[in-house]
Amino acid sequence: MSDFATRYVTLPDLLDAYDDAYYEVTRLLFEAGRHPEPPQWLLSHVVDLCDEYAALAEGSSEPPPDRGTDYVAAFAEAGRRARHAFGQDGYIQTDHLTPIGIMPGSATVQHVVNELVSHAWDIAHAIGAQVQLPDELCDRVRESWQVYFDSYGRPEINFEPEQPAPEEAGAADRLAAYLGRTVETPTV
């Protein structure tokens, strides 16, 4: 495993972490469906993310299927596809071509978990919900993003500079603030 991948992969059980992130995003997508204007680009992005990385894990070059705008169903299908691909015998341990070069499958799964956990906060924030993920998972995702930014820089197109988090902020809010999201003090 490369030095970057060794530092970047912070999760002790990647597939369990993927499952936690998948179920949380699914829960939030159900919630988002009850709002008049959920963030369509974000809902589409989590679906496309799973399809894109599932295709990488499968070794497929076919474009992802058009899953329509039923984001709950689309994410369920794309997420199951990714989970199946990541769970293939030996995938996590072997090297594969990724957008940042040849990396072990563990780095790919970590990246997808990082994205899903981060976007779970974005979806929750957009619809006025709370993220229900273990603090340890959010903290380990933050550690992984730190390794990525230390190695590749903070891409300005997707990440604002780190923002302050309220003193009483939970792990998901601290992660969001680290990624440049504005985290407000909760009202009681």
N, C-alpha and C. Protein backbone atom coordinates (compact mmCIF):
# COMPACT_ATOMS: atom_id res chain seq x y z
N MET A 1 0.85 -1.17 0.00
CA MET A 1 0.00 0.00 0.00
C MET A 1 0.90 1.23 0.00
N SER A 2 0.54 2.23 -0.79
CA SER A 2 1.34 3.45 -0.86
C SER A 2 1.28 4.18 0.48
N ASP A 3 2.26 5.06 0.71
CA ASP A 3 2.27 5.85 1.94
C ASP A 3 0.99 6.68 2.05
N PHE A 4 0.56 7.28 0.95
CA PHE A 4 -0.68 8.06 0.98
C PHE A 4 -1.85 7.18 1.41
N ALA A 5 -2.02 6.04 0.76
CA ALA A 5 -3.15 5.16 1.06
C ALA A 5 -3.10 4.68 2.50
N THR A 6 -1.92 4.40 3.01
CA THR A 6 -1.78 3.94 4.39
C THR A 6 -2.29 5.02 5.35
N ARG A 7 -1.98 6.27 5.07
CA ARG A 7 -2.43 7.36 5.94
C ARG A 7 -3.88 7.74 5.68
N TYR A 8 -4.31 7.65 4.42
CA TYR A 8 -5.65 8.08 4.01
C TYR A 8 -6.74 7.15 4.53
N VAL A 9 -6.45 5.87 4.58
CA VAL A 9 -7.45 4.89 5.03
C VAL A 9 -7.45 4.87 6.55
N THR A 10 -8.44 5.52 7.14
CA THR A 10 -8.51 5.69 8.59
C THR A 10 -9.58 4.82 9.24
N LEU A 11 -10.37 4.14 8.44
CA LEU A 11 -11.48 3.35 8.97
C LEU A 11 -11.04 1.91 9.23
N PRO A 12 -11.33 1.39 10.42
CA PRO A 12 -10.91 0.02 10.73
C PRO A 12 -11.70 -1.03 9.96
N ASP A 13 -12.97 -0.78 9.66
CA ASP A 13 -13.79 -1.71 8.88
C ASP A 13 -14.50 -0.91 7.80
N LEU A 14 -13.92 -0.91 6.64
CA LEU A 14 -14.41 -0.07 5.54
C LEU A 14 -15.83 -0.41 5.12
N LEU A 15 -16.15 -1.69 5.04
CA LEU A 15 -17.48 -2.06 4.57
C LEU A 15 -18.55 -1.75 5.61
N ASP A 16 -18.24 -1.90 6.89
CA ASP A 16 -19.19 -1.49 7.92
C ASP A 16 -19.41 0.02 7.87
N ALA A 17 -18.34 0.77 7.68
CA ALA A 17 -18.46 2.23 7.58
C ALA A 17 -19.28 2.61 6.34
N TYR A 18 -19.05 1.91 5.23
CA TYR A 18 -19.84 2.17 4.03
C TYR A 18 -21.32 1.92 4.33
N ASP A 19 -21.61 0.81 4.99
CA ASP A 19 -23.01 0.50 5.32
C ASP A 19 -23.63 1.60 6.17
N ASP A 20 -22.91 2.07 7.19
CA ASP A 20 -23.44 3.15 8.04
C ASP A 20 -23.74 4.40 7.20
N ALA A 21 -22.80 4.77 6.34
CA ALA A 21 -23.00 5.97 5.52
C ALA A 21 -24.14 5.78 4.53
N TYR A 22 -24.21 4.61 3.93
CA TYR A 22 -25.28 4.29 2.96
C TYR A 22 -26.65 4.39 3.63
N TYR A 23 -26.80 3.79 4.80
CA TYR A 23 -28.11 3.82 5.47
C TYR A 23 -28.48 5.23 5.93
N GLU A 24 -27.49 6.02 6.34
CA GLU A 24 -27.79 7.38 6.76
C GLU A 24 -28.21 8.24 5.56
N VAL A 25 -27.51 8.12 4.45
CA VAL A 25 -27.91 8.89 3.26
C VAL A 25 -29.30 8.44 2.80
N THR A 26 -29.57 7.15 2.84
CA THR A 26 -30.91 6.66 2.47
C THR A 26 -31.98 7.29 3.36
N ARG A 27 -31.74 7.30 4.67
CA ARG A 27 -32.69 7.91 5.60
C ARG A 27 -32.93 9.38 5.26
N LEU A 28 -31.85 10.09 4.98
CA LEU A 28 -31.97 11.51 4.67
C LEU A 28 -32.65 11.74 3.33
N LEU A 29 -32.45 10.85 2.37
CA LEU A 29 -33.14 10.99 1.08
C LEU A 29 -34.65 10.82 1.25
N PHE A 30 -35.06 9.90 2.12
CA PHE A 30 -36.50 9.78 2.44
C PHE A 30 -37.01 11.10 3.00
N GLU A 31 -36.26 11.68 3.94
CA GLU A 31 -36.65 12.97 4.53
C GLU A 31 -36.69 14.06 3.47
N ALA A 32 -35.70 14.09 2.60
CA ALA A 32 -35.62 15.14 1.58
C ALA A 32 -36.82 15.10 0.65
N GLY A 33 -37.36 13.90 0.43
CA GLY A 33 -38.53 13.77 -0.45
C GLY A 33 -39.76 14.48 0.08
N ARG A 34 -39.76 14.83 1.36
CA ARG A 34 -40.89 15.54 1.96
C ARG A 34 -40.73 17.05 1.92
N HIS A 35 -39.66 17.52 1.34
CA HIS A 35 -39.40 18.95 1.27
C HIS A 35 -39.68 19.46 -0.14
N PRO A 36 -40.23 20.67 -0.26
CA PRO A 36 -40.61 21.16 -1.58
C PRO A 36 -39.44 21.37 -2.54
N GLU A 37 -38.28 21.74 -2.02
CA GLU A 37 -37.15 21.99 -2.89
C GLU A 37 -35.87 21.37 -2.35
N PRO A 38 -35.80 20.04 -2.32
CA PRO A 38 -34.53 19.45 -1.87
C PRO A 38 -33.44 19.77 -2.88
N PRO A 39 -32.20 19.77 -2.46
CA PRO A 39 -31.09 20.11 -3.36
C PRO A 39 -30.88 19.02 -4.42
N GLN A 40 -31.47 19.20 -5.59
CA GLN A 40 -31.45 18.18 -6.63
C GLN A 40 -30.03 17.79 -7.05
N TRP A 41 -29.14 18.76 -7.20
CA TRP A 41 -27.77 18.43 -7.64
C TRP A 41 -27.10 17.52 -6.62
N LEU A 42 -27.37 17.76 -5.34
CA LEU A 42 -26.75 16.97 -4.29
C LEU A 42 -27.32 15.56 -4.25
N LEU A 43 -28.63 15.44 -4.42
CA LEU A 43 -29.26 14.13 -4.44
C LEU A 43 -28.75 13.32 -5.62
N SER A 44 -28.65 13.97 -6.76
CA SER A 44 -28.12 13.31 -7.96
C SER A 44 -26.64 12.93 -7.76
N HIS A 45 -25.90 13.79 -7.09
CA HIS A 45 -24.47 13.55 -6.90
C HIS A 45 -24.19 12.28 -6.10
N VAL A 46 -24.95 12.04 -5.02
CA VAL A 46 -24.68 10.83 -4.22
C VAL A 46 -25.01 9.57 -5.01
N VAL A 47 -26.00 9.65 -5.89
CA VAL A 47 -26.33 8.52 -6.76
C VAL A 47 -25.18 8.29 -7.75
N ASP A 48 -24.78 9.36 -8.43
CA ASP A 48 -23.71 9.26 -9.43
C ASP A 48 -22.40 8.79 -8.80
N LEU A 49 -22.11 9.26 -7.60
CA LEU A 49 -20.90 8.86 -6.88
C LEU A 49 -20.84 7.34 -6.72
N CYS A 50 -21.93 6.77 -6.24
CA CYS A 50 -21.96 5.31 -6.04
C CYS A 50 -21.84 4.57 -7.37
N ASP A 51 -22.55 5.03 -8.39
CA ASP A 51 -22.45 4.37 -9.70
C ASP A 51 -21.04 4.48 -10.28
N GLU A 52 -20.43 5.66 -10.16
CA GLU A 52 -19.10 5.88 -10.73
C GLU A 52 -18.07 4.98 -10.07
N TYR A 53 -18.08 4.90 -8.75
CA TYR A 53 -17.07 4.10 -8.07
C TYR A 53 -17.40 2.61 -8.10
N ALA A 54 -18.67 2.27 -8.24
CA ALA A 54 -19.01 0.86 -8.47
C ALA A 54 -18.43 0.42 -9.81
N ALA A 55 -18.58 1.25 -10.84
CA ALA A 55 -18.04 0.92 -12.16
C ALA A 55 -16.53 0.76 -12.09
N LEU A 56 -15.85 1.64 -11.36
CA LEU A 56 -14.40 1.50 -11.20
C LEU A 56 -14.06 0.16 -10.56
N ALA A 57 -14.79 -0.18 -9.49
CA ALA A 57 -14.52 -1.44 -8.78
C ALA A 57 -14.84 -2.65 -9.64
N GLU A 58 -15.83 -2.53 -10.51
CA GLU A 58 -16.21 -3.63 -11.41
C GLU A 58 -15.30 -3.72 -12.62
N GLY A 59 -14.51 -2.67 -12.86
CA GLY A 59 -13.68 -2.62 -14.06
C GLY A 59 -14.49 -2.31 -15.30
N SER A 60 -15.62 -1.66 -15.12
CA SER A 60 -16.52 -1.34 -16.23
C SER A 60 -16.25 0.06 -16.76
N SER A 61 -16.31 0.21 -18.06
CA SER A 61 -16.16 1.54 -18.67
C SER A 61 -17.49 2.05 -19.21
N GLU A 62 -18.56 1.32 -18.98
CA GLU A 62 -19.87 1.75 -19.45
C GLU A 62 -20.37 2.93 -18.62
N PRO A 63 -21.06 3.87 -19.26
CA PRO A 63 -21.60 5.00 -18.49
C PRO A 63 -22.65 4.50 -17.51
N PRO A 64 -22.81 5.22 -16.39
CA PRO A 64 -23.81 4.77 -15.42
C PRO A 64 -25.21 4.85 -16.01
N PRO A 65 -26.11 4.01 -15.54
CA PRO A 65 -27.47 4.05 -16.06
C PRO A 65 -28.18 5.33 -15.64
N ASP A 66 -29.16 5.75 -16.44
CA ASP A 66 -29.99 6.89 -16.06
C ASP A 66 -30.99 6.36 -15.05
N ARG A 67 -30.87 6.80 -13.82
CA ARG A 67 -31.71 6.26 -12.76
C ARG A 67 -32.93 7.12 -12.47
N GLY A 68 -33.11 8.22 -13.19
CA GLY A 68 -34.29 9.05 -13.00
C GLY A 68 -34.19 9.92 -11.77
N THR A 69 -35.33 10.48 -11.35
CA THR A 69 -35.33 11.43 -10.24
C THR A 69 -35.98 10.89 -8.97
N ASP A 70 -36.27 9.60 -8.92
CA ASP A 70 -36.68 8.99 -7.66
C ASP A 70 -35.37 8.67 -6.93
N TYR A 71 -34.88 9.66 -6.19
CA TYR A 71 -33.54 9.55 -5.63
C TYR A 71 -33.41 8.47 -4.57
N VAL A 72 -34.48 8.17 -3.88
CA VAL A 72 -34.42 7.09 -2.89
C VAL A 72 -34.16 5.77 -3.61
N ALA A 73 -34.95 5.49 -4.62
CA ALA A 73 -34.78 4.23 -5.38
C ALA A 73 -33.45 4.23 -6.13
N ALA A 74 -33.10 5.36 -6.72
CA ALA A 74 -31.85 5.45 -7.48
C ALA A 74 -30.65 5.22 -6.57
N PHE A 75 -30.66 5.86 -5.40
CA PHE A 75 -29.54 5.68 -4.48
C PHE A 75 -29.50 4.26 -3.94
N ALA A 76 -30.66 3.69 -3.67
CA ALA A 76 -30.69 2.30 -3.19
C ALA A 76 -30.02 1.38 -4.20
N GLU A 77 -30.34 1.53 -5.48
CA GLU A 77 -29.75 0.68 -6.51
C GLU A 77 -28.25 0.95 -6.68
N ALA A 78 -27.90 2.23 -6.80
CA ALA A 78 -26.49 2.57 -7.00
C ALA A 78 -25.66 2.19 -5.77
N GLY A 79 -26.21 2.40 -4.59
CA GLY A 79 -25.50 2.08 -3.36
C GLY A 79 -25.29 0.58 -3.19
N ARG A 80 -26.31 -0.20 -3.54
CA ARG A 80 -26.17 -1.67 -3.46
C ARG A 80 -25.14 -2.15 -4.49
N ARG A 81 -25.16 -1.52 -5.66
CA ARG A 81 -24.18 -1.89 -6.68
C ARG A 81 -22.76 -1.63 -6.17
N ALA A 82 -22.55 -0.46 -5.57
CA ALA A 82 -21.22 -0.13 -5.04
C ALA A 82 -20.83 -1.09 -3.93
N ARG A 83 -21.76 -1.37 -3.03
CA ARG A 83 -21.46 -2.27 -1.90
C ARG A 83 -21.06 -3.65 -2.41
N HIS A 84 -21.77 -4.14 -3.41
CA HIS A 84 -21.44 -5.44 -3.99
C HIS A 84 -20.06 -5.41 -4.63
N ALA A 85 -19.77 -4.36 -5.37
CA ALA A 85 -18.47 -4.25 -6.04
C ALA A 85 -17.34 -4.15 -5.02
N PHE A 86 -17.54 -3.36 -3.97
CA PHE A 86 -16.50 -3.20 -2.95
C PHE A 86 -16.29 -4.48 -2.15
N GLY A 87 -17.33 -5.28 -2.04
CA GLY A 87 -17.25 -6.51 -1.27
C GLY A 87 -16.70 -7.70 -2.03
N GLN A 88 -16.35 -7.50 -3.31
CA GLN A 88 -15.78 -8.60 -4.09
C GLN A 88 -14.52 -9.12 -3.40
N ASP A 89 -14.33 -10.41 -3.46
CA ASP A 89 -13.19 -11.05 -2.83
C ASP A 89 -11.89 -10.38 -3.29
N GLY A 90 -11.16 -9.82 -2.36
CA GLY A 90 -9.86 -9.24 -2.65
C GLY A 90 -9.87 -7.80 -3.14
N TYR A 91 -11.04 -7.23 -3.41
CA TYR A 91 -11.07 -5.87 -3.97
C TYR A 91 -10.36 -4.87 -3.08
N ILE A 92 -10.65 -4.89 -1.79
CA ILE A 92 -10.10 -3.88 -0.88
C ILE A 92 -8.57 -3.97 -0.82
N GLN A 93 -8.02 -5.17 -0.94
CA GLN A 93 -6.58 -5.36 -0.79
C GLN A 93 -5.79 -5.13 -2.07
N THR A 94 -6.43 -5.15 -3.22
CA THR A 94 -5.68 -5.08 -4.48
C THR A 94 -5.71 -3.67 -5.06
N ASP A 95 -4.72 -3.39 -5.92
CA ASP A 95 -4.59 -2.07 -6.53
C ASP A 95 -5.47 -1.94 -7.77
N HIS A 96 -5.96 -0.70 -7.95
CA HIS A 96 -6.86 -0.39 -9.06
C HIS A 96 -6.58 1.04 -9.53
N LEU A 97 -6.93 1.31 -10.78
CA LEU A 97 -6.81 2.66 -11.31
C LEU A 97 -7.92 3.52 -10.72
N THR A 98 -7.56 4.67 -10.17
CA THR A 98 -8.53 5.61 -9.61
C THR A 98 -8.29 6.98 -10.23
N PRO A 99 -9.15 7.95 -9.98
CA PRO A 99 -8.91 9.30 -10.50
C PRO A 99 -7.60 9.94 -10.00
N ILE A 100 -7.01 9.42 -8.91
CA ILE A 100 -5.74 9.98 -8.43
C ILE A 100 -4.58 8.99 -8.60
N GLY A 101 -4.74 8.03 -9.49
CA GLY A 101 -3.67 7.08 -9.77
C GLY A 101 -3.99 5.68 -9.27
N ILE A 102 -2.99 4.83 -9.31
CA ILE A 102 -3.16 3.45 -8.85
C ILE A 102 -3.21 3.46 -7.32
N MET A 103 -4.31 2.94 -6.79
CA MET A 103 -4.52 2.89 -5.34
C MET A 103 -5.16 1.56 -4.97
N PRO A 104 -4.97 1.13 -3.74
CA PRO A 104 -5.69 -0.07 -3.30
C PRO A 104 -7.18 0.22 -3.21
N GLY A 105 -7.99 -0.82 -3.34
CA GLY A 105 -9.43 -0.66 -3.24
C GLY A 105 -9.83 -0.03 -1.92
N SER A 106 -9.04 -0.23 -0.88
CA SER A 106 -9.34 0.38 0.42
C SER A 106 -9.41 1.90 0.31
N ALA A 107 -8.55 2.51 -0.49
CA ALA A 107 -8.57 3.97 -0.65
C ALA A 107 -9.84 4.40 -1.38
N THR A 108 -10.28 3.60 -2.33
CA THR A 108 -11.52 3.92 -3.05
C THR A 108 -12.72 3.86 -2.12
N VAL A 109 -12.81 2.81 -1.32
CA VAL A 109 -13.94 2.68 -0.41
C VAL A 109 -13.90 3.81 0.62
N GLN A 110 -12.71 4.12 1.15
CA GLN A 110 -12.57 5.23 2.09
C GLN A 110 -13.07 6.52 1.45
N HIS A 111 -12.70 6.76 0.20
CA HIS A 111 -13.12 7.99 -0.48
C HIS A 111 -14.64 8.06 -0.59
N VAL A 112 -15.26 6.97 -0.97
CA VAL A 112 -16.72 6.97 -1.10
C VAL A 112 -17.37 7.19 0.26
N VAL A 113 -16.86 6.57 1.30
CA VAL A 113 -17.39 6.82 2.64
C VAL A 113 -17.21 8.29 3.01
N ASN A 114 -16.03 8.84 2.74
CA ASN A 114 -15.79 10.27 3.03
C ASN A 114 -16.83 11.14 2.35
N GLU A 115 -17.08 10.87 1.09
CA GLU A 115 -18.05 11.66 0.33
C GLU A 115 -19.46 11.48 0.89
N LEU A 116 -19.86 10.25 1.15
CA LEU A 116 -21.23 10.01 1.65
C LEU A 116 -21.45 10.64 3.02
N VAL A 117 -20.48 10.52 3.90
CA VAL A 117 -20.63 11.12 5.23
C VAL A 117 -20.68 12.65 5.11
N SER A 118 -19.82 13.21 4.30
CA SER A 118 -19.81 14.67 4.12
C SER A 118 -21.12 15.16 3.51
N HIS A 119 -21.60 14.45 2.51
CA HIS A 119 -22.85 14.88 1.85
C HIS A 119 -24.08 14.54 2.67
N ALA A 120 -23.97 13.58 3.59
CA ALA A 120 -25.09 13.36 4.53
C ALA A 120 -25.32 14.65 5.31
N TRP A 121 -24.23 15.28 5.75
CA TRP A 121 -24.38 16.55 6.47
C TRP A 121 -25.01 17.59 5.57
N ASP A 122 -24.56 17.67 4.31
CA ASP A 122 -25.11 18.66 3.38
C ASP A 122 -26.61 18.47 3.18
N ILE A 123 -27.03 17.23 3.00
CA ILE A 123 -28.46 16.95 2.81
C ILE A 123 -29.22 17.29 4.09
N ALA A 124 -28.72 16.84 5.22
CA ALA A 124 -29.38 17.12 6.49
C ALA A 124 -29.51 18.63 6.71
N HIS A 125 -28.43 19.35 6.47
CA HIS A 125 -28.45 20.80 6.65
C HIS A 125 -29.47 21.46 5.73
N ALA A 126 -29.55 21.00 4.51
CA ALA A 126 -30.47 21.60 3.53
C ALA A 126 -31.94 21.39 3.90
N ILE A 127 -32.23 20.31 4.60
CA ILE A 127 -33.64 20.01 4.92
C ILE A 127 -33.97 20.22 6.39
N GLY A 128 -33.01 20.72 7.16
CA GLY A 128 -33.26 20.98 8.57
C GLY A 128 -33.27 19.74 9.44
N ALA A 129 -32.55 18.72 9.05
CA ALA A 129 -32.47 17.48 9.83
C ALA A 129 -31.10 17.39 10.51
N GLN A 130 -30.93 16.38 11.31
CA GLN A 130 -29.66 16.12 11.99
C GLN A 130 -29.04 14.85 11.44
N VAL A 131 -27.73 14.83 11.34
CA VAL A 131 -27.00 13.64 10.93
C VAL A 131 -26.98 12.67 12.11
N GLN A 132 -27.26 11.41 11.81
CA GLN A 132 -27.26 10.37 12.85
C GLN A 132 -26.21 9.32 12.52
N LEU A 133 -24.97 9.73 12.60
CA LEU A 133 -23.84 8.83 12.37
C LEU A 133 -22.98 8.80 13.62
N PRO A 134 -22.28 7.70 13.86
CA PRO A 134 -21.40 7.63 15.02
C PRO A 134 -20.31 8.72 14.96
N ASP A 135 -20.03 9.33 16.10
CA ASP A 135 -18.99 10.35 16.15
C ASP A 135 -17.65 9.81 15.66
N GLU A 136 -17.33 8.57 16.03
CA GLU A 136 -16.05 8.00 15.61
C GLU A 136 -15.94 7.95 14.09
N LEU A 137 -17.03 7.62 13.41
CA LEU A 137 -17.01 7.58 11.95
C LEU A 137 -16.74 8.98 11.40
N CYS A 138 -17.44 9.98 11.90
CA CYS A 138 -17.22 11.35 11.43
C CYS A 138 -15.80 11.82 11.71
N ASP A 139 -15.27 11.49 12.88
CA ASP A 139 -13.90 11.89 13.22
C ASP A 139 -12.89 11.22 12.30
N ARG A 140 -13.09 9.94 12.01
CA ARG A 140 -12.14 9.24 11.12
C ARG A 140 -12.23 9.76 9.69
N VAL A 141 -13.42 10.14 9.25
CA VAL A 141 -13.57 10.74 7.93
C VAL A 141 -12.83 12.08 7.89
N ARG A 142 -12.94 12.86 8.95
CA ARG A 142 -12.21 14.13 9.01
C ARG A 142 -10.71 13.88 8.92
N GLU A 143 -10.21 12.91 9.67
CA GLU A 143 -8.78 12.57 9.62
C GLU A 143 -8.36 12.21 8.20
N SER A 144 -9.20 11.46 7.51
CA SER A 144 -8.89 11.06 6.14
C SER A 144 -8.85 12.27 5.21
N TRP A 145 -9.84 13.16 5.34
CA TRP A 145 -9.82 14.38 4.52
C TRP A 145 -8.55 15.19 4.80
N GLN A 146 -8.12 15.24 6.04
CA GLN A 146 -6.90 15.98 6.38
C GLN A 146 -5.69 15.41 5.64
N VAL A 147 -5.61 14.09 5.59
CA VAL A 147 -4.51 13.45 4.85
C VAL A 147 -4.61 13.82 3.36
N TYR A 148 -5.82 13.78 2.82
CA TYR A 148 -6.00 14.12 1.40
C TYR A 148 -5.56 15.56 1.13
N PHE A 149 -6.04 16.51 1.95
CA PHE A 149 -5.68 17.92 1.74
C PHE A 149 -4.19 18.15 1.95
N ASP A 150 -3.59 17.46 2.92
CA ASP A 150 -2.15 17.59 3.13
C ASP A 150 -1.38 17.10 1.92
N SER A 151 -1.89 16.08 1.24
CA SER A 151 -1.20 15.48 0.09
C SER A 151 -1.50 16.18 -1.22
N TYR A 152 -2.75 16.61 -1.43
CA TYR A 152 -3.16 17.13 -2.73
C TYR A 152 -3.65 18.58 -2.69
N GLY A 153 -3.68 19.17 -1.52
CA GLY A 153 -4.21 20.52 -1.40
C GLY A 153 -5.72 20.49 -1.25
N ARG A 154 -6.27 21.61 -0.90
CA ARG A 154 -7.72 21.75 -0.71
C ARG A 154 -8.29 22.30 -2.01
N PRO A 155 -9.01 21.47 -2.76
CA PRO A 155 -9.55 21.95 -4.04
C PRO A 155 -10.54 23.10 -3.81
N GLU A 156 -10.23 24.25 -4.36
CA GLU A 156 -11.07 25.43 -4.13
C GLU A 156 -12.46 25.30 -4.74
N ILE A 157 -12.59 24.49 -5.76
CA ILE A 157 -13.89 24.39 -6.43
C ILE A 157 -14.92 23.67 -5.56
N ASN A 158 -14.49 22.78 -4.69
CA ASN A 158 -15.43 22.00 -3.89
C ASN A 158 -15.37 22.30 -2.39
N PHE A 159 -14.31 22.95 -1.94
CA PHE A 159 -14.11 23.14 -0.51
C PHE A 159 -13.71 24.58 -0.22
N GLU A 160 -14.45 25.20 0.65
CA GLU A 160 -14.08 26.52 1.16
C GLU A 160 -13.02 26.31 2.24
N PRO A 161 -12.36 27.39 2.66
CA PRO A 161 -11.43 27.25 3.79
C PRO A 161 -12.18 26.77 5.04
N GLU A 162 -11.43 26.14 5.93
CA GLU A 162 -12.04 25.65 7.17
C GLU A 162 -12.75 26.79 7.88
N GLN A 163 -13.91 26.49 8.43
CA GLN A 163 -14.73 27.46 9.16
C GLN A 163 -14.72 27.11 10.65
N PRO A 164 -15.02 28.09 11.49
CA PRO A 164 -15.10 27.77 12.92
C PRO A 164 -16.35 26.94 13.21
N ALA A 165 -16.22 26.05 14.17
CA ALA A 165 -17.37 25.26 14.62
C ALA A 165 -17.73 25.72 16.02
N PRO A 166 -19.00 25.79 16.34
CA PRO A 166 -19.38 26.15 17.71
C PRO A 166 -18.75 25.19 18.72
N GLU A 167 -18.48 25.68 19.90
CA GLU A 167 -17.83 24.88 20.94
C GLU A 167 -18.57 23.58 21.21
N GLU A 168 -19.90 23.62 21.16
CA GLU A 168 -20.71 22.43 21.48
C GLU A 168 -21.00 21.58 20.24
N ALA A 169 -20.36 21.86 19.13
CA ALA A 169 -20.62 21.12 17.89
C ALA A 169 -20.26 19.65 18.04
N GLY A 170 -21.09 18.80 17.44
CA GLY A 170 -20.81 17.38 17.40
C GLY A 170 -19.81 17.06 16.30
N ALA A 171 -19.46 15.80 16.19
CA ALA A 171 -18.44 15.37 15.23
C ALA A 171 -18.85 15.66 13.78
N ALA A 172 -20.13 15.47 13.44
CA ALA A 172 -20.57 15.73 12.06
C ALA A 172 -20.46 17.22 11.73
N ASP A 173 -20.80 18.09 12.69
CA ASP A 173 -20.68 19.53 12.47
C ASP A 173 -19.22 19.96 12.40
N ARG A 174 -18.36 19.37 13.23
CA ARG A 174 -16.92 19.69 13.17
C ARG A 174 -16.35 19.29 11.81
N LEU A 175 -16.77 18.13 11.30
CA LEU A 175 -16.33 17.71 9.97
C LEU A 175 -16.79 18.71 8.93
N ALA A 176 -18.06 19.09 8.99
CA ALA A 176 -18.60 20.04 8.01
C ALA A 176 -17.83 21.36 8.05
N ALA A 177 -17.55 21.86 9.25
CA ALA A 177 -16.80 23.11 9.38
C ALA A 177 -15.39 22.95 8.80
N TYR A 178 -14.77 21.80 9.05
CA TYR A 178 -13.45 21.55 8.49
C TYR A 178 -13.47 21.60 6.96
N LEU A 179 -14.57 21.11 6.39
CA LEU A 179 -14.69 21.09 4.92
C LEU A 179 -15.15 22.42 4.35
N GLY A 180 -15.37 23.41 5.20
CA GLY A 180 -15.69 24.76 4.73
C GLY A 180 -17.16 25.11 4.80
N ARG A 181 -17.96 24.26 5.42
CA ARG A 181 -19.38 24.57 5.57
C ARG A 181 -19.58 25.49 6.77
N THR A 182 -20.58 26.33 6.70
CA THR A 182 -20.93 27.19 7.82
C THR A 182 -21.80 26.41 8.78
N VAL A 183 -21.33 26.27 10.01
CA VAL A 183 -22.05 25.54 11.03
C VAL A 183 -22.51 26.55 12.08
N GLU A 184 -23.80 26.57 12.29
CA GLU A 184 -24.35 27.54 13.23
C GLU A 184 -24.62 26.89 14.58
N THR A 185 -24.62 27.72 15.60
CA THR A 185 -24.94 27.25 16.94
C THR A 185 -26.41 26.83 16.95
N PRO A 186 -26.70 25.63 17.42
CA PRO A 186 -28.10 25.19 17.44
C PRO A 186 -28.92 26.05 18.40
N THR A 187 -30.17 26.29 18.01
CA THR A 187 -31.08 27.02 18.88
C THR A 187 -31.82 26.03 19.76
N VAL A 188 -32.05 26.43 20.98
CA VAL A 188 -32.71 25.53 21.94
C VAL A 188 -34.16 25.88 22.06
